[in-house]
Amino acid sequence: MKKTIAPRKAEEHDDLVLTPRDVHFDWEALPLHWIPREPLATSVVNVLHLLLPEGERWFVKVFQEAVPLIRDEELRTQVLGFVGQEAMHAEAHQGVLDHLTAKGVDIEPYVEHVAFIFRDILGEKPELSPRGRRAYLIERVAIIAGIEHFTAFLGDWILNAEGLDRAGADATMLDLLRWHGAEEVEHRAVAYDLLRHLDRGYFLRIRAMVVATSVLAGLWVRGTRHLLAVDPELKGRRKPGPMGALRASRKGLLPDLVRLVLSVLRYLSPRYHPSQEGSTRQAIAYLGTSPAARAAAH
């Protein structure tokens, strides 16, 4: 059944109490290509599931480390709510990873690579001096602020991706993605506001965005190629190429790359604030209708 998507409306930034929602999803009936006849589009979106469990757990650890440095009680409350939501996101996407493994998709090499990045390269560095640890913490908060810009963009996209409904995409997967996307829009300003609280430097923010963009782009391309290569339903068949992604984007099954680039350019503005991205009203409206979120509230 097609889900009604609330229209976007212009609005000011809203201060919200961020609430973790204890959602659960049943993947038993999820087809491997949950966008029918679209293995490439399915694989591109499925990279999210491969990245997010480790990535969001890293977010949680970094923000927990940053909490003692917060001097504003309202921001502290927002950060704690953000941490709770991100922890739940990690667990929800872990369920999809378990399902893919059960379906015979060999995701382990890629997941181990992602874990190495977040645990080893970007993990804690106890050998640093106290001053060095603080600088390293702020650098990681800045990277998270950059990544959160992309997740807010993707959240806004998925809430409005009617092409997926028209294509007959699996309803449970759409609910997971839209529940998560709505919460990304809901808390889109927290990482940025925390960074500005700790360090207002413009060049730090831009440098970290360059790092975030480069790492995410590389991981996404590698993840898509890996999923297509190990897809048991594509054995012996020609794998879709880059032009397939362009066609999928034109059908509304993937984000528009031009809009994504324009969103990155907005982030470069000294006057940028995440409240310019997406609609809190639309996000809250979806969370009020999401089957998983409604079940979690009862």
Protein backbone atom coordinates (compact mmCIF):
# COMPACT_ATOMS: atom_id res chain seq x y z
CA MET A 1 0.00 0.00 0.00
CA LYS A 2 1.41 3.40 -0.95
CA LYS A 3 2.26 5.57 2.03
CA THR A 4 1.13 9.16 2.04
CA ILE A 5 4.10 11.50 2.30
CA ALA A 6 3.45 14.81 3.98
CA PRO A 7 4.40 17.81 1.81
CA ARG A 8 7.41 19.91 2.62
CA LYS A 9 6.84 23.37 4.03
CA ALA A 10 9.22 26.22 4.72
CA GLU A 11 9.85 26.65 8.42
CA GLU A 12 12.21 28.03 11.02
CA HIS A 13 14.53 25.81 13.06
CA ASP A 14 12.59 24.10 15.86
CA ASP A 15 14.02 23.19 19.26
CA LEU A 16 12.88 19.64 19.97
CA VAL A 17 13.27 17.09 22.72
CA LEU A 18 14.92 14.27 20.81
CA THR A 19 13.39 10.94 21.78
CA PRO A 20 14.92 7.55 20.91
CA ARG A 21 12.21 5.28 19.48
CA ASP A 22 12.58 1.57 20.26
CA VAL A 23 11.57 0.35 16.81
CA HIS A 24 11.62 -3.21 15.50
CA PHE A 25 11.40 -4.58 11.96
CA ASP A 26 10.66 -8.06 10.63
CA TRP A 27 12.91 -8.90 7.67
CA GLU A 28 11.72 -12.48 7.15
CA ALA A 29 9.87 -11.66 3.91
CA LEU A 30 12.32 -9.04 2.57
CA PRO A 31 13.38 -9.92 -1.00
CA LEU A 32 17.06 -9.54 -1.86
CA HIS A 33 16.18 -6.92 -4.47
CA TRP A 34 13.65 -5.00 -2.41
CA ILE A 35 13.25 -2.47 -5.24
CA PRO A 36 11.75 -4.87 -7.81
CA ARG A 37 13.88 -5.42 -10.93
CA GLU A 38 16.40 -2.82 -9.71
CA PRO A 39 19.48 -4.61 -8.35
CA LEU A 40 21.73 -1.57 -8.80
CA ALA A 41 19.44 0.88 -7.00
CA THR A 42 18.88 -1.70 -4.26
CA SER A 43 22.64 -2.17 -3.84
CA VAL A 44 23.35 1.57 -3.74
CA VAL A 45 20.83 2.08 -0.94
CA ASN A 46 21.94 -1.11 0.83
CA VAL A 47 25.39 0.42 1.35
CA LEU A 48 23.68 2.40 4.11
CA HIS A 49 23.12 -0.81 6.04
CA LEU A 50 26.77 -1.78 5.66
CA LEU A 51 28.06 1.61 6.82
CA LEU A 52 25.69 2.65 9.54
CA PRO A 53 26.05 0.11 12.36
CA GLU A 54 29.77 0.81 12.81
CA GLY A 55 29.47 4.46 11.83
CA GLU A 56 26.63 5.29 14.20
CA ARG A 57 28.28 3.44 17.09
CA TRP A 58 31.33 5.60 16.44
CA PHE A 59 29.11 8.70 16.55
CA VAL A 60 27.82 7.58 19.95
CA LYS A 61 31.33 7.04 21.37
CA VAL A 62 32.61 10.40 20.13
CA PHE A 63 29.61 12.32 21.45
CA GLN A 64 29.77 10.56 24.81
CA GLU A 65 33.39 11.67 25.00
CA ALA A 66 32.32 15.23 24.19
CA VAL A 67 29.51 15.49 26.77
CA PRO A 68 31.79 16.61 29.67
CA LEU A 69 32.94 19.56 27.52
CA ILE A 70 29.42 20.93 26.97
CA ARG A 71 28.66 24.04 29.02
CA ASP A 72 25.13 24.65 27.71
CA GLU A 73 22.42 22.51 29.33
CA GLU A 74 20.01 22.72 26.40
CA LEU A 75 22.72 21.55 24.00
CA ARG A 76 23.68 18.78 26.42
CA THR A 77 20.07 17.54 26.39
CA GLN A 78 20.03 17.60 22.59
CA VAL A 79 23.33 15.71 22.38
CA LEU A 80 22.08 13.00 24.76
CA GLY A 81 18.91 12.64 22.69
CA PHE A 82 21.03 12.43 19.53
CA VAL A 83 23.14 9.68 21.12
CA GLY A 84 20.04 7.67 21.98
CA GLN A 85 18.63 7.96 18.47
CA GLU A 86 21.93 7.06 16.80
CA ALA A 87 22.34 3.97 18.99
CA MET A 88 18.89 2.79 17.89
CA HIS A 89 19.73 3.45 14.23
CA ALA A 90 22.81 1.23 14.52
CA GLU A 91 20.76 -1.65 15.91
CA ALA A 92 18.00 -1.29 13.31
CA HIS A 93 20.43 -1.45 10.40
CA GLN A 94 22.31 -4.33 12.02
CA GLY A 95 19.15 -6.36 11.56
CA VAL A 96 19.38 -5.83 7.81
CA LEU A 97 23.02 -6.96 7.82
CA ASP A 98 22.03 -10.15 9.61
CA HIS A 99 19.29 -10.70 7.02
CA LEU A 100 21.71 -10.21 4.09
CA THR A 101 24.13 -12.70 5.63
CA ALA A 102 21.32 -15.22 6.04
CA LYS A 103 20.45 -14.72 2.35
CA GLY A 104 23.98 -15.76 1.34
CA VAL A 105 25.40 -12.27 0.67
CA ASP A 106 29.07 -12.19 1.71
CA ILE A 107 29.27 -8.74 3.29
CA GLU A 108 31.98 -9.60 5.83
CA PRO A 109 35.05 -8.24 3.94
CA TYR A 110 33.43 -4.86 3.40
CA VAL A 111 32.02 -4.62 6.93
CA GLU A 112 35.48 -5.42 8.33
CA HIS A 113 36.94 -2.61 6.22
CA VAL A 114 34.34 -0.17 7.58
CA ALA A 115 35.05 -1.34 11.14
CA PHE A 116 38.78 -0.74 10.61
CA ILE A 117 38.11 2.86 9.57
CA PHE A 118 35.86 3.73 12.50
CA ARG A 119 37.54 1.68 15.22
CA ASP A 120 41.22 1.98 14.30
CA ILE A 121 41.76 5.00 12.06
CA LEU A 122 39.14 7.21 13.74
CA GLY A 123 39.04 5.51 17.13
CA GLU A 124 40.39 6.80 20.44
CA LYS A 125 44.06 7.76 20.70
CA PRO A 126 44.93 7.41 24.41
CA GLU A 127 48.61 8.09 23.72
CA LEU A 128 47.85 11.75 22.92
CA SER A 129 48.39 14.51 25.46
CA PRO A 130 45.26 16.02 27.11
CA ARG A 131 45.47 18.97 24.71
CA GLY A 132 45.97 16.62 21.76
CA ARG A 133 43.02 14.47 22.79
CA ARG A 134 40.76 17.51 22.94
CA ALA A 135 41.87 18.68 19.49
CA TYR A 136 41.39 15.17 18.09
CA LEU A 137 37.93 14.95 19.67
CA ILE A 138 36.86 18.24 18.10
CA GLU A 139 38.24 17.12 14.74
CA ARG A 140 36.06 14.00 14.91
CA VAL A 141 33.01 16.04 15.96
CA ALA A 142 33.65 18.19 12.88
CA ILE A 143 33.75 15.10 10.66
CA ILE A 144 30.47 13.91 12.17
CA ALA A 145 28.92 17.32 11.51
CA GLY A 146 29.91 16.91 7.86
CA ILE A 147 28.51 13.37 7.68
CA GLU A 148 25.30 14.53 9.37
CA HIS A 149 24.84 17.04 6.58
CA PHE A 150 24.72 14.10 4.14
CA THR A 151 22.41 12.05 6.34
CA ALA A 152 20.02 15.01 6.62
CA PHE A 153 20.10 15.38 2.83
CA LEU A 154 19.36 11.67 2.43
CA GLY A 155 16.66 11.85 5.09
CA ASP A 156 14.95 14.69 3.27
CA TRP A 157 15.27 12.76 -0.01
CA ILE A 158 13.81 9.50 1.27
CA LEU A 159 10.84 11.29 2.85
CA ASN A 160 10.02 12.66 -0.61
CA ALA A 161 11.13 9.69 -2.77
CA GLU A 162 7.74 8.86 -4.27
CA GLY A 163 9.54 7.04 -7.10
CA LEU A 164 10.26 4.21 -4.66
CA ASP A 165 6.55 3.86 -3.92
CA ARG A 166 5.73 3.82 -7.63
CA ALA A 167 8.39 1.13 -8.18
CA GLY A 168 6.79 -1.12 -5.55
CA ALA A 169 9.68 -0.99 -3.07
CA ASP A 170 9.27 -3.18 0.00
CA ALA A 171 7.06 -1.41 2.55
CA THR A 172 9.03 -2.51 5.62
CA MET A 173 12.32 -1.33 4.15
CA LEU A 174 10.75 2.00 3.20
CA ASP A 175 9.51 2.40 6.76
CA LEU A 176 12.99 1.73 8.14
CA LEU A 177 14.56 4.24 5.76
CA ARG A 178 11.89 6.89 6.31
CA TRP A 179 11.84 6.45 10.08
CA HIS A 180 15.61 6.82 10.11
CA GLY A 181 15.52 9.65 7.59
CA ALA A 182 12.90 11.52 9.61
CA GLU A 183 15.04 11.31 12.74
CA GLU A 184 18.07 12.51 10.76
CA VAL A 185 16.08 15.57 9.71
CA GLU A 186 14.76 15.94 13.25
CA HIS A 187 18.27 16.08 14.80
CA ARG A 188 20.09 17.55 11.79
CA ALA A 189 21.48 20.56 13.72
CA VAL A 190 22.87 18.78 16.79
CA ALA A 191 26.32 17.79 15.51
CA TYR A 192 26.81 21.19 13.88
CA ASP A 193 25.72 23.05 17.02
CA LEU A 194 28.04 20.91 19.14
CA LEU A 195 30.95 21.68 16.82
CA ARG A 196 30.21 25.41 16.99
CA HIS A 197 30.02 25.14 20.79
CA LEU A 198 33.47 23.56 20.94
CA ASP A 199 35.20 25.40 18.08
CA ARG A 200 33.77 28.09 15.81
CA GLY A 201 36.60 27.87 13.28
CA TYR A 202 35.43 27.98 9.67
CA PHE A 203 38.42 26.18 8.17
CA LEU A 204 38.11 23.29 10.64
CA ARG A 205 34.51 22.78 9.52
CA ILE A 206 35.42 22.89 5.82
CA ARG A 207 38.48 20.66 6.20
CA ALA A 208 36.39 18.07 8.02
CA MET A 209 33.70 18.23 5.31
CA VAL A 210 36.35 17.50 2.67
CA VAL A 211 37.41 14.45 4.70
CA ALA A 212 33.80 13.31 5.20
CA THR A 213 32.95 13.74 1.51
CA SER A 214 36.03 11.87 0.31
CA VAL A 215 35.62 8.97 2.72
CA LEU A 216 31.89 8.57 2.10
CA ALA A 217 32.24 8.74 -1.69
CA GLY A 218 34.96 6.10 -1.68
CA LEU A 219 33.10 3.82 0.69
CA TRP A 220 29.86 4.13 -1.26
CA VAL A 221 31.42 3.25 -4.60
CA ARG A 222 33.35 0.36 -3.08
CA GLY A 223 30.29 -0.88 -1.18
CA THR A 224 28.06 -0.82 -4.26
CA ARG A 225 30.60 -2.74 -6.32
CA HIS A 226 31.02 -5.28 -3.54
CA LEU A 227 27.29 -5.89 -3.17
CA LEU A 228 26.83 -6.34 -6.91
CA ALA A 229 29.80 -8.71 -7.07
CA VAL A 230 28.50 -10.99 -4.28
CA ASP A 231 24.79 -10.78 -5.15
CA PRO A 232 23.73 -14.45 -5.45
CA GLU A 233 20.87 -13.50 -7.79
CA LEU A 234 23.27 -11.84 -10.27
CA LYS A 235 25.64 -14.79 -10.68
CA GLY A 236 26.44 -15.27 -14.35
CA ARG A 237 24.65 -12.06 -15.30
CA ARG A 238 26.12 -8.80 -16.50
CA LYS A 239 26.47 -6.34 -13.62
CA PRO A 240 24.79 -2.92 -14.00
CA GLY A 241 27.15 -0.02 -14.71
CA PRO A 242 27.25 3.69 -13.75
CA MET A 243 24.67 4.62 -16.38
CA GLY A 244 22.23 2.40 -14.53
CA ALA A 245 22.62 4.61 -11.46
CA LEU A 246 21.84 7.68 -13.56
CA ARG A 247 18.71 6.04 -14.94
CA ALA A 248 17.65 5.01 -11.44
CA SER A 249 18.13 8.58 -10.24
CA ARG A 250 15.97 9.90 -13.07
CA LYS A 251 13.23 7.49 -11.98
CA GLY A 252 13.45 8.79 -8.42
CA LEU A 253 14.97 5.59 -7.04
CA LEU A 254 18.24 7.28 -6.04
CA PRO A 255 19.09 10.84 -4.98
CA ASP A 256 19.81 13.49 -7.60
CA LEU A 257 23.60 14.06 -7.68
CA VAL A 258 23.21 17.68 -8.79
CA ARG A 259 21.08 18.45 -5.73
CA LEU A 260 23.61 16.61 -3.56
CA VAL A 261 26.47 18.74 -4.90
CA LEU A 262 24.43 21.91 -4.37
CA SER A 263 23.78 20.88 -0.78
CA VAL A 264 27.52 20.49 -0.21
CA LEU A 265 28.09 23.97 -1.63
CA ARG A 266 25.55 25.33 0.85
CA TYR A 267 27.59 23.78 3.67
CA LEU A 268 30.61 25.82 2.53
CA SER A 269 28.84 29.10 3.21
CA PRO A 270 29.97 30.94 6.37
CA ARG A 271 26.26 31.61 7.01
CA TYR A 272 25.26 27.95 6.76
CA HIS A 273 23.12 26.27 9.39
CA PRO A 274 21.52 22.78 9.12
CA SER A 275 18.06 24.25 9.77
CA GLN A 276 18.21 25.27 6.08
CA GLU A 277 17.99 21.59 5.13
CA GLY A 278 14.77 19.57 5.16
CA SER A 279 11.61 20.12 7.17
CA THR A 280 11.15 19.30 10.84
CA ARG A 281 7.39 19.48 10.33
CA GLN A 282 7.51 16.85 7.60
CA ALA A 283 9.80 14.62 9.66
CA ILE A 284 7.50 14.73 12.68
CA ALA A 285 4.50 14.10 10.45
CA TYR A 286 6.09 10.91 9.11
CA LEU A 287 7.10 9.72 12.58
CA GLY A 288 3.45 10.06 13.54
CA THR A 289 2.41 7.65 10.77
CA SER A 290 5.39 5.25 10.64
CA PRO A 291 4.22 1.73 11.53
CA ALA A 292 7.45 1.01 13.44
CA ALA A 293 7.47 4.32 15.30
CA ARG A 294 3.78 3.99 16.21
CA ALA A 295 4.34 0.46 17.50
CA ALA A 296 7.31 1.68 19.59
CA ALA A 297 5.11 4.34 21.19
CA HIS A 298 2.64 1.74 22.55
